[in-house]
Amino acid sequence: MSYTIKTLLSLSLLFVLTSCNNEDDNYTAYFGGEILSPRSPYIIFSKDDMVIDTIPLDKNNRFFIKYDSLAPGLYSFRHEPEYQYIYFDKNDSLMISVNADNFDQSVVFSGRGDKKNNFLMELYLINEEDRNKSYRVYEEKYDDFISNIDSSYAKREAFYNKNKEEINWSNDFDLYAKARLQFSQYTKKEYYPYLYNYRTGKEINSDLPKDYYNYRKEIDFNNEKLTTFSPFLRYFNAMLTNMAVKRAGKSISTEERTLNENIIKLTLVDSIFTNKRIKNNMLNNIAFSYLLEDQNIHNNQTFLEHYMKLSTDDSNGNEIMKIAKAIEDLEEGKKLPPVALVDTNNNAFDINHDINSKTVIYFWTTCAKAHLKMVNKKIAELKKQYPEVSFIAINLDEDPEWKKLIANNNFGKALQLRAENFQSIKDKWVINKLNRTIILNADGTIKNGFTNLMDSEFAKLLETEHIKTEPSGTKHLDVEYIEIEDTK
Protein backbone atom coordinates (compact mmCIF):
# COMPACT_ATOMS: atom_id res chain seq x y z
CA MET A 1 0.00 0.00 0.00
CA SER A 2 1.50 3.37 -1.07
CA TYR A 3 2.31 6.19 1.31
CA THR A 4 -0.32 8.44 -0.29
CA ILE A 5 -3.08 5.83 0.03
CA LYS A 6 -2.15 5.23 3.67
CA THR A 7 -2.34 8.96 4.27
CA LEU A 8 -5.77 9.19 2.63
CA LEU A 9 -7.10 6.36 4.77
CA SER A 10 -5.63 7.60 8.04
CA LEU A 11 -6.84 11.16 7.56
CA SER A 12 -10.26 9.97 6.41
CA LEU A 13 -10.53 7.93 9.62
CA LEU A 14 -9.53 11.01 11.58
CA PHE A 15 -12.34 12.97 9.90
CA VAL A 16 -14.86 10.28 10.82
CA LEU A 17 -13.76 10.22 14.46
CA THR A 18 -13.73 13.99 14.82
CA SER A 19 -17.01 14.66 13.04
CA CYS A 20 -19.24 11.85 14.35
CA ASN A 21 -20.44 13.96 17.26
CA ASN A 22 -21.69 16.88 15.14
CA GLU A 23 -25.11 18.16 16.12
CA ASP A 24 -27.81 18.90 13.57
CA ASP A 25 -27.92 22.59 14.49
CA ASN A 26 -24.24 23.42 14.03
CA TYR A 27 -22.05 24.00 11.00
CA THR A 28 -18.79 22.45 12.14
CA ALA A 29 -16.60 21.36 9.24
CA TYR A 30 -13.11 19.90 8.83
CA PHE A 31 -10.60 20.52 6.07
CA GLY A 32 -7.25 18.80 5.70
CA GLY A 33 -4.92 17.12 3.30
CA GLU A 34 -1.45 16.61 1.94
CA ILE A 35 0.52 18.51 -0.71
CA LEU A 36 3.17 16.45 -2.49
CA SER A 37 6.17 18.38 -3.90
CA PRO A 38 4.90 21.64 -2.36
CA ARG A 39 5.85 25.00 -3.91
CA SER A 40 5.14 27.00 -0.75
CA PRO A 41 4.67 26.20 2.97
CA TYR A 42 0.93 26.96 3.01
CA ILE A 43 -2.38 26.84 1.17
CA ILE A 44 -4.92 29.66 0.90
CA PHE A 45 -8.60 28.91 1.61
CA SER A 46 -11.07 31.39 0.07
CA LYS A 47 -14.70 32.05 -0.76
CA ASP A 48 -15.88 34.38 -3.52
CA ASP A 49 -12.34 35.71 -4.04
CA MET A 50 -12.08 36.66 -0.35
CA VAL A 51 -9.35 34.94 1.66
CA ILE A 52 -10.71 33.11 4.71
CA ASP A 53 -7.56 31.42 5.95
CA THR A 54 -3.89 30.88 5.21
CA ILE A 55 -3.22 27.32 6.39
CA PRO A 56 0.40 26.25 7.04
CA LEU A 57 1.74 22.83 6.09
CA ASP A 58 3.45 20.79 8.80
CA LYS A 59 6.83 19.07 8.43
CA ASN A 60 5.14 16.22 6.52
CA ASN A 61 3.47 18.69 4.11
CA ARG A 62 0.06 18.05 5.65
CA PHE A 63 -2.57 20.35 7.12
CA PHE A 64 -5.70 19.91 9.18
CA ILE A 65 -8.12 22.54 10.45
CA LYS A 66 -11.52 22.62 12.15
CA TYR A 67 -14.08 25.34 11.40
CA ASP A 68 -16.68 25.79 14.12
CA SER A 69 -19.07 27.39 11.66
CA LEU A 70 -18.60 27.02 7.91
CA ALA A 71 -21.53 28.03 5.72
CA PRO A 72 -22.40 25.52 2.99
CA GLY A 73 -21.22 26.62 -0.43
CA LEU A 74 -18.42 26.77 -2.96
CA TYR A 75 -14.90 27.59 -1.75
CA SER A 76 -11.45 27.42 -3.31
CA PHE A 77 -8.03 26.31 -2.16
CA ARG A 78 -4.87 27.78 -3.66
CA HIS A 79 -1.32 26.48 -3.57
CA GLU A 80 0.57 29.06 -5.59
CA PRO A 81 0.29 29.42 -8.46
CA GLU A 82 -2.53 26.87 -8.86
CA TYR A 83 -6.02 26.67 -7.40
CA GLN A 84 -9.16 24.56 -7.54
CA TYR A 85 -12.70 24.60 -6.15
CA ILE A 86 -14.08 22.66 -3.21
CA TYR A 87 -17.74 22.46 -2.13
CA PHE A 88 -18.77 22.06 1.51
CA ASP A 89 -22.22 20.93 2.57
CA LYS A 90 -23.20 21.22 6.22
CA ASN A 91 -20.80 19.26 8.47
CA ASP A 92 -18.67 17.98 5.59
CA SER A 93 -15.19 16.71 6.48
CA LEU A 94 -12.98 16.87 3.42
CA MET A 95 -9.39 15.94 2.77
CA ILE A 96 -7.43 16.62 -0.41
CA SER A 97 -4.36 14.97 -1.85
CA VAL A 98 -2.48 17.04 -4.44
CA ASN A 99 0.83 16.76 -6.23
CA ALA A 100 1.98 20.32 -6.98
CA ASP A 101 3.99 19.09 -9.98
CA ASN A 102 0.81 17.95 -11.72
CA PHE A 103 -1.80 19.93 -9.84
CA ASP A 104 -5.16 19.57 -11.61
CA GLN A 105 -4.65 15.99 -12.70
CA SER A 106 -3.65 14.86 -9.19
CA VAL A 107 -6.42 16.39 -7.05
CA VAL A 108 -8.28 13.67 -5.11
CA PHE A 109 -10.90 14.22 -2.40
CA SER A 110 -11.77 11.87 0.45
CA GLY A 111 -14.00 12.05 3.53
CA ARG A 112 -17.59 13.15 3.99
CA GLY A 113 -18.61 15.07 0.84
CA ASP A 114 -15.92 13.57 -1.40
CA LYS A 115 -18.13 12.16 -4.17
CA LYS A 116 -19.59 15.43 -5.38
CA ASN A 117 -16.18 17.13 -5.25
CA ASN A 118 -14.48 14.35 -7.19
CA PHE A 119 -17.27 14.62 -9.76
CA LEU A 120 -16.76 18.38 -10.12
CA MET A 121 -13.02 17.82 -10.52
CA GLU A 122 -13.51 15.07 -13.10
CA LEU A 123 -15.95 17.19 -15.10
CA TYR A 124 -13.41 20.00 -15.10
CA LEU A 125 -10.75 17.67 -16.55
CA ILE A 126 -13.18 16.32 -19.16
CA ASN A 127 -14.05 19.87 -20.19
CA GLU A 128 -10.36 20.80 -20.44
CA GLU A 129 -9.60 17.80 -22.61
CA ASP A 130 -12.58 18.62 -24.81
CA ARG A 131 -11.50 22.27 -25.04
CA ASN A 132 -7.99 21.27 -26.11
CA LYS A 133 -9.43 19.06 -28.84
CA SER A 134 -11.80 21.76 -30.12
CA TYR A 135 -9.25 24.11 -31.67
CA ARG A 136 -10.18 23.35 -35.28
CA VAL A 137 -13.93 23.11 -34.75
CA TYR A 138 -14.29 26.91 -35.08
CA GLU A 139 -13.19 26.71 -38.72
CA GLU A 140 -16.08 24.41 -39.70
CA LYS A 141 -19.29 25.39 -41.43
CA TYR A 142 -22.26 25.94 -39.13
CA ASP A 143 -23.93 22.51 -39.50
CA ASP A 144 -20.65 20.67 -38.90
CA PHE A 145 -19.78 22.95 -35.97
CA ILE A 146 -23.13 22.34 -34.24
CA SER A 147 -22.99 18.61 -34.87
CA ASN A 148 -19.51 18.44 -33.38
CA ILE A 149 -20.17 20.42 -30.20
CA ASP A 150 -23.59 18.82 -29.60
CA SER A 151 -22.10 15.34 -29.82
CA SER A 152 -19.41 16.27 -27.29
CA TYR A 153 -21.96 17.92 -25.01
CA ALA A 154 -24.26 14.87 -25.04
CA LYS A 155 -21.50 12.69 -23.58
CA ARG A 156 -20.74 15.16 -20.80
CA GLU A 157 -24.43 15.67 -20.07
CA ALA A 158 -24.87 11.90 -19.69
CA PHE A 159 -21.95 11.88 -17.24
CA TYR A 160 -23.57 14.73 -15.29
CA ASN A 161 -27.01 13.05 -15.16
CA LYS A 162 -25.57 9.72 -14.03
CA ASN A 163 -23.65 11.28 -11.14
CA LYS A 164 -26.52 13.56 -10.12
CA GLU A 165 -28.79 10.53 -9.71
CA GLU A 166 -26.19 8.41 -7.90
CA ILE A 167 -24.87 11.08 -5.52
CA ASN A 168 -28.20 12.89 -5.00
CA TRP A 169 -26.54 16.23 -4.32
CA SER A 170 -28.22 19.42 -3.10
CA ASN A 171 -29.83 22.03 -5.32
CA ASP A 172 -27.14 24.53 -4.36
CA PHE A 173 -24.35 22.20 -5.50
CA ASP A 174 -26.32 21.49 -8.68
CA LEU A 175 -26.09 25.18 -9.55
CA TYR A 176 -22.31 24.82 -9.89
CA ALA A 177 -22.34 21.34 -11.43
CA LYS A 178 -24.81 22.43 -14.11
CA ALA A 179 -22.88 25.66 -14.68
CA ARG A 180 -19.65 23.75 -15.24
CA LEU A 181 -21.49 21.57 -17.77
CA GLN A 182 -23.50 24.21 -19.62
CA PHE A 183 -21.15 27.19 -19.72
CA SER A 184 -18.56 25.08 -21.51
CA GLN A 185 -21.10 24.62 -24.33
CA TYR A 186 -22.26 28.24 -24.27
CA THR A 187 -18.67 29.48 -24.45
CA LYS A 188 -18.07 27.52 -27.65
CA LYS A 189 -21.16 29.09 -29.22
CA GLU A 190 -19.94 32.59 -28.33
CA TYR A 191 -16.45 31.89 -29.67
CA TYR A 192 -17.68 30.54 -32.98
CA PRO A 193 -18.75 33.69 -34.94
CA TYR A 194 -15.62 35.75 -34.37
CA LEU A 195 -13.11 32.89 -34.41
CA TYR A 196 -14.60 31.60 -37.68
CA ASN A 197 -14.20 35.05 -39.19
CA TYR A 198 -10.67 35.46 -37.80
CA ARG A 199 -9.41 32.09 -39.05
CA THR A 200 -11.18 31.83 -42.39
CA GLY A 201 -11.62 35.48 -43.33
CA LYS A 202 -15.30 34.77 -43.96
CA GLU A 203 -18.41 36.03 -42.16
CA ILE A 204 -20.74 33.45 -40.56
CA ASN A 205 -23.26 35.58 -38.61
CA SER A 206 -25.75 35.63 -41.49
CA ASP A 207 -25.80 31.81 -41.51
CA LEU A 208 -26.69 31.48 -37.83
CA PRO A 209 -30.34 30.62 -37.06
CA LYS A 210 -32.48 33.23 -35.34
CA ASP A 211 -32.62 31.19 -32.13
CA TYR A 212 -28.84 30.66 -31.97
CA TYR A 213 -28.42 32.79 -28.83
CA ASN A 214 -31.63 31.74 -27.06
CA TYR A 215 -29.62 30.19 -24.21
CA ARG A 216 -28.64 33.70 -23.09
CA LYS A 217 -32.23 34.21 -21.91
CA GLU A 218 -31.83 31.35 -19.41
CA ILE A 219 -28.75 32.83 -17.69
CA ASP A 220 -29.19 34.72 -14.43
CA PHE A 221 -26.42 37.27 -14.90
CA ASN A 222 -27.07 38.84 -11.49
CA ASN A 223 -26.72 35.63 -9.48
CA GLU A 224 -23.87 36.41 -7.08
CA LYS A 225 -23.08 32.73 -6.62
CA LEU A 226 -22.19 32.42 -10.32
CA THR A 227 -20.36 35.65 -10.99
CA THR A 228 -17.18 34.60 -9.18
CA PHE A 229 -17.23 31.06 -10.65
CA SER A 230 -14.63 30.72 -13.40
CA PRO A 231 -16.82 28.79 -15.92
CA PHE A 232 -19.25 31.72 -15.85
CA LEU A 233 -16.43 34.28 -16.09
CA ARG A 234 -14.89 32.50 -19.07
CA TYR A 235 -18.29 32.38 -20.77
CA PHE A 236 -19.08 36.00 -20.00
CA ASN A 237 -15.77 37.18 -21.42
CA ALA A 238 -16.45 35.20 -24.62
CA MET A 239 -19.95 36.68 -24.87
CA LEU A 240 -18.73 40.24 -24.38
CA THR A 241 -16.00 39.79 -26.98
CA ASN A 242 -18.49 38.34 -29.46
CA MET A 243 -20.91 41.22 -28.96
CA ALA A 244 -18.19 43.89 -28.98
CA VAL A 245 -16.50 42.63 -32.15
CA LYS A 246 -19.87 42.67 -33.89
CA ARG A 247 -20.63 46.25 -32.79
CA ALA A 248 -17.19 47.84 -33.11
CA GLY A 249 -16.94 47.67 -36.89
CA LYS A 250 -13.74 48.29 -38.78
CA SER A 251 -11.08 50.68 -37.48
CA ILE A 252 -7.96 52.16 -39.02
CA SER A 253 -5.65 50.51 -36.49
CA THR A 254 -5.50 47.56 -34.12
CA GLU A 255 -5.16 49.91 -31.14
CA GLU A 256 -8.25 51.91 -32.12
CA ARG A 257 -10.30 48.75 -32.66
CA THR A 258 -9.20 47.31 -29.30
CA LEU A 259 -10.12 50.57 -27.55
CA ASN A 260 -13.55 50.67 -29.21
CA GLU A 261 -14.28 47.05 -28.38
CA ASN A 262 -13.38 47.49 -24.71
CA ILE A 263 -15.45 50.65 -24.35
CA ILE A 264 -18.38 48.71 -25.83
CA LYS A 265 -17.74 45.96 -23.27
CA LEU A 266 -17.98 48.52 -20.45
CA THR A 267 -21.31 49.75 -21.83
CA LEU A 268 -22.65 46.20 -22.16
CA VAL A 269 -21.74 45.40 -18.55
CA ASP A 270 -23.53 48.54 -17.42
CA SER A 271 -26.69 47.42 -19.22
CA ILE A 272 -26.57 43.74 -18.15
CA PHE A 273 -25.96 43.97 -14.40
CA THR A 274 -28.30 45.60 -11.91
CA ASN A 275 -26.34 44.49 -8.83
CA LYS A 276 -23.81 47.30 -8.22
CA ARG A 277 -21.22 45.09 -6.57
CA ILE A 278 -21.28 42.58 -9.44
CA LYS A 279 -21.28 45.39 -12.00
CA ASN A 280 -18.21 47.00 -10.44
CA ASN A 281 -16.40 43.66 -10.36
CA MET A 282 -17.14 43.04 -14.03
CA LEU A 283 -16.10 46.56 -15.00
CA ASN A 284 -12.87 46.00 -13.08
CA ASN A 285 -12.25 42.70 -14.89
CA ILE A 286 -12.53 44.41 -18.27
CA ALA A 287 -10.39 47.35 -17.20
CA PHE A 288 -7.75 45.08 -15.73
CA SER A 289 -7.46 43.06 -18.95
CA TYR A 290 -7.42 46.12 -21.21
CA LEU A 291 -4.88 48.13 -19.26
CA LEU A 292 -2.44 45.22 -19.25
CA GLU A 293 -2.50 44.74 -23.02
CA ASP A 294 -0.75 46.88 -25.69
CA GLN A 295 0.06 50.19 -24.07
CA ASN A 296 -1.07 53.55 -25.45
CA ILE A 297 -1.23 56.26 -22.80
CA HIS A 298 -3.75 58.40 -24.72
CA ASN A 299 -6.06 55.43 -25.29
CA ASN A 300 -5.73 54.44 -21.64
CA GLN A 301 -6.96 57.86 -20.58
CA THR A 302 -9.91 57.67 -22.99
CA PHE A 303 -10.78 54.22 -21.69
CA LEU A 304 -10.49 55.28 -18.04
CA GLU A 305 -12.85 58.22 -18.64
CA HIS A 306 -15.54 55.76 -19.76
CA TYR A 307 -14.71 53.39 -16.91
CA MET A 308 -15.06 56.11 -14.26
CA LYS A 309 -18.44 57.22 -15.66
CA LEU A 310 -19.85 53.73 -15.13
CA SER A 311 -18.05 52.41 -12.04
CA THR A 312 -19.26 53.34 -8.57
CA ASP A 313 -16.15 51.85 -6.96
CA ASP A 314 -14.66 55.03 -5.50
CA SER A 315 -12.80 53.26 -2.68
CA ASN A 316 -9.18 54.05 -1.94
CA GLY A 317 -8.40 50.43 -2.73
CA ASN A 318 -9.65 50.61 -6.33
CA GLU A 319 -7.12 48.35 -8.07
CA ILE A 320 -7.83 49.76 -11.52
CA MET A 321 -6.70 53.25 -10.57
CA LYS A 322 -3.59 51.76 -8.97
CA ILE A 323 -2.78 49.89 -12.18
CA ALA A 324 -3.38 53.02 -14.27
CA LYS A 325 -0.95 54.94 -12.06
CA ALA A 326 1.62 52.13 -12.27
CA ILE A 327 1.38 52.15 -16.08
CA GLU A 328 2.04 55.90 -16.13
CA ASP A 329 5.19 55.28 -14.09
CA LEU A 330 6.43 52.96 -16.85
CA GLU A 331 6.25 55.50 -19.68
CA GLU A 332 9.11 55.80 -22.16
CA GLY A 333 11.95 57.93 -20.81
CA LYS A 334 11.23 57.30 -17.13
CA LYS A 335 13.24 55.13 -14.73
CA LEU A 336 11.82 51.85 -13.50
CA PRO A 337 10.19 52.06 -10.06
CA PRO A 338 12.66 50.52 -7.57
CA VAL A 339 12.09 46.91 -6.50
CA ALA A 340 14.20 44.60 -4.34
CA LEU A 341 16.37 42.33 -6.52
CA VAL A 342 19.20 39.98 -5.55
CA ASP A 343 21.69 37.91 -7.55
CA THR A 344 22.57 34.25 -7.01
CA ASN A 345 24.89 35.25 -4.17
CA ASN A 346 22.09 37.21 -2.48
CA ASN A 347 23.79 40.52 -3.26
CA ALA A 348 21.41 43.43 -3.88
CA PHE A 349 21.14 44.69 -7.46
CA ASP A 350 19.95 48.24 -8.23
CA ILE A 351 18.25 48.16 -11.60
CA ASN A 352 18.54 51.94 -11.99
CA HIS A 353 22.27 52.24 -11.26
CA ASP A 354 23.92 48.91 -12.00
CA ILE A 355 23.48 48.80 -15.79
CA ASN A 356 25.48 50.67 -18.45
CA SER A 357 24.23 49.29 -21.77
CA LYS A 358 20.95 48.72 -23.54
CA THR A 359 19.23 46.01 -21.50
CA VAL A 360 16.44 43.51 -22.02
CA ILE A 361 14.62 42.37 -18.86
CA TYR A 362 12.58 39.18 -19.04
CA PHE A 363 10.89 36.94 -16.47
CA TRP A 364 10.64 33.26 -15.60
CA THR A 365 9.33 30.90 -12.94
CA THR A 366 10.07 27.32 -11.95
CA CYS A 367 6.34 26.63 -12.47
CA ALA A 368 6.62 27.07 -16.27
CA LYS A 369 9.60 25.01 -17.43
CA ALA A 370 8.45 24.80 -21.06
CA HIS A 371 8.30 28.59 -21.18
CA LEU A 372 11.78 28.77 -19.63
CA LYS A 373 13.24 26.51 -22.32
CA MET A 374 11.57 28.59 -25.01
CA VAL A 375 12.85 31.95 -23.76
CA ASN A 376 16.38 30.63 -23.18
CA LYS A 377 16.52 29.61 -26.82
CA LYS A 378 15.21 33.01 -27.92
CA ILE A 379 17.70 34.90 -25.72
CA ALA A 380 20.62 32.83 -27.07
CA GLU A 381 19.63 33.83 -30.61
CA LEU A 382 19.26 37.50 -29.71
CA LYS A 383 22.60 37.58 -27.88
CA LYS A 384 24.41 36.40 -31.03
CA GLN A 385 22.60 38.99 -33.12
CA TYR A 386 23.04 41.86 -30.63
CA PRO A 387 26.21 41.22 -28.57
CA GLU A 388 26.19 44.80 -27.27
CA VAL A 389 22.81 44.28 -25.54
CA SER A 390 22.67 43.00 -21.95
CA PHE A 391 20.04 40.52 -20.84
CA ILE A 392 18.63 40.20 -17.32
CA ALA A 393 16.49 37.22 -16.31
CA ILE A 394 14.34 37.85 -13.24
CA ASN A 395 12.91 34.89 -11.35
CA LEU A 396 9.45 35.48 -9.82
CA ASP A 397 9.37 32.58 -7.35
CA GLU A 398 9.20 32.87 -3.60
CA ASP A 399 11.07 29.58 -3.44
CA PRO A 400 14.86 30.06 -2.96
CA GLU A 401 15.38 26.72 -4.72
CA TRP A 402 15.49 28.68 -7.99
CA LYS A 403 19.29 28.42 -7.95
CA LYS A 404 19.09 24.67 -8.54
CA LEU A 405 17.14 25.20 -11.73
CA ILE A 406 19.68 27.77 -12.91
CA ALA A 407 22.46 25.22 -12.50
CA ASN A 408 20.58 22.74 -14.69
CA ASN A 409 19.60 25.14 -17.51
CA ASN A 410 21.56 27.03 -20.11
CA PHE A 411 20.84 30.70 -19.50
CA GLY A 412 23.73 31.81 -21.66
CA LYS A 413 25.15 35.16 -20.63
CA ALA A 414 21.98 36.52 -19.06
CA LEU A 415 22.40 37.98 -15.58
CA GLN A 416 20.30 36.00 -13.10
CA LEU A 417 18.32 37.98 -10.53
CA ARG A 418 15.43 37.13 -8.24
CA ALA A 419 12.61 39.39 -7.07
CA GLU A 420 12.57 39.29 -3.27
CA ASN A 421 8.90 40.31 -3.17
CA PHE A 422 6.72 39.06 -6.01
CA GLN A 423 3.74 41.24 -5.08
CA SER A 424 5.91 44.35 -5.12
CA ILE A 425 7.38 43.74 -8.57
CA LYS A 426 3.98 42.61 -9.90
CA ASP A 427 2.33 45.84 -8.72
CA LYS A 428 5.11 48.32 -9.56
CA TRP A 429 6.15 46.84 -12.90
CA VAL A 430 2.64 45.58 -13.75
CA ILE A 431 3.75 41.98 -14.39
CA ASN A 432 0.87 39.77 -15.50
CA LYS A 433 2.36 37.59 -18.25
CA LEU A 434 5.61 35.70 -18.39
CA ASN A 435 6.24 36.85 -21.96
CA ARG A 436 6.16 40.46 -20.76
CA THR A 437 9.51 42.11 -21.50
CA ILE A 438 11.05 45.49 -20.67
CA ILE A 439 13.75 47.24 -22.71
CA LEU A 440 15.97 49.88 -21.07
CA ASN A 441 18.28 52.38 -22.70
CA ALA A 442 21.95 52.45 -21.74
CA ASP A 443 21.25 55.24 -19.20
CA GLY A 444 18.64 53.10 -17.45
CA THR A 445 15.61 54.92 -18.82
CA ILE A 446 12.70 52.98 -20.25
CA LYS A 447 12.77 52.42 -24.01
CA ASN A 448 9.74 50.12 -24.06
CA GLY A 449 8.02 49.06 -20.85
CA PHE A 450 5.42 46.81 -22.44
CA THR A 451 6.70 44.48 -25.10
CA ASN A 452 6.66 40.73 -25.67
CA LEU A 453 9.83 38.68 -25.99
CA MET A 454 8.05 36.22 -28.30
CA ASP A 455 6.75 38.91 -30.66
CA SER A 456 8.05 38.19 -34.16
CA GLU A 457 9.02 41.88 -34.45
CA PHE A 458 10.81 42.03 -31.09
CA ALA A 459 14.34 42.10 -32.54
CA LYS A 460 13.62 45.38 -34.35
CA LEU A 461 13.27 47.08 -30.97
CA LEU A 462 16.94 46.29 -30.28
CA GLU A 463 18.23 48.00 -33.44
CA THR A 464 20.54 50.99 -32.93
CA GLU A 465 18.85 54.37 -33.06
CA HIS A 466 20.08 55.34 -36.55
CA ILE A 467 18.44 52.31 -38.17
CA LYS A 468 14.90 53.12 -39.24
CA THR A 469 12.18 50.55 -39.68
CA GLU A 470 8.76 51.04 -41.18
CA PRO A 471 5.93 50.88 -38.64
CA SER A 472 3.91 47.72 -38.82
CA GLY A 473 1.16 45.98 -36.95
CA THR A 474 2.10 43.66 -34.12
CA LYS A 475 2.71 40.12 -35.28
CA HIS A 476 2.76 37.31 -32.77
CA LEU A 477 4.08 33.80 -33.04
CA ASP A 478 1.45 31.10 -32.91
CA VAL A 479 1.98 30.48 -29.20
CA GLU A 480 -0.41 31.03 -26.34
CA TYR A 481 0.42 33.62 -23.69
CA ILE A 482 1.29 32.08 -20.33
CA GLU A 483 -0.72 33.85 -17.67
CA ILE A 484 0.51 34.44 -14.14
CA GLU A 485 -3.06 33.84 -13.03
CA ASP A 486 -5.49 31.73 -14.92
CA THR A 487 -9.09 30.71 -14.47
CA LYS A 488 -10.34 27.18 -13.83
Foldseek 3Di string as FASTA:
>chain_A
DDPQVVVQVVVQVVLCVVLVPDDPPWQKEKEKEAEAPAQDQWKFKFDLPHTDDTFGAPPRRMTMDMDRHDDFAKIKIGRPPDIDIDTDDRSWYKYWYAYLLDGLVRTAIDHGRRLLVVLLSVLLVLLVVVVVVCPCLLQDADVSSCVVLVVSLVVSVVSLVVSCVVVVDDPRSVVVSVLSSPLSSLLSLLQRQVVNCVVVVDGRVVVDDPCSPVVVVVDDLADSSPLSAQSVVSSLVSNLQSVLLVPQDDDPAPVVSLLSSLLSSLVVLLVRYPPQVSSQVSLLVSLLVSCQPDDDLVSNVVSVVSSVVRHPPPDPVSLSVLQNVLVVCQDFFHFADFFWKAALVRHTDTLQPPFQAKEKEAEDEPSCVVVVQVVLVLVVVLCVVCVRYAYAYEYLRCDNCVVVVVVVDCNDRHGYMYGNDNVVCCSNLVDWFRQFMWIAHSNRGGPDSGDGSQWPCVSVSVDDPVDDDDDDHTHGDPDDIDTSHDHD
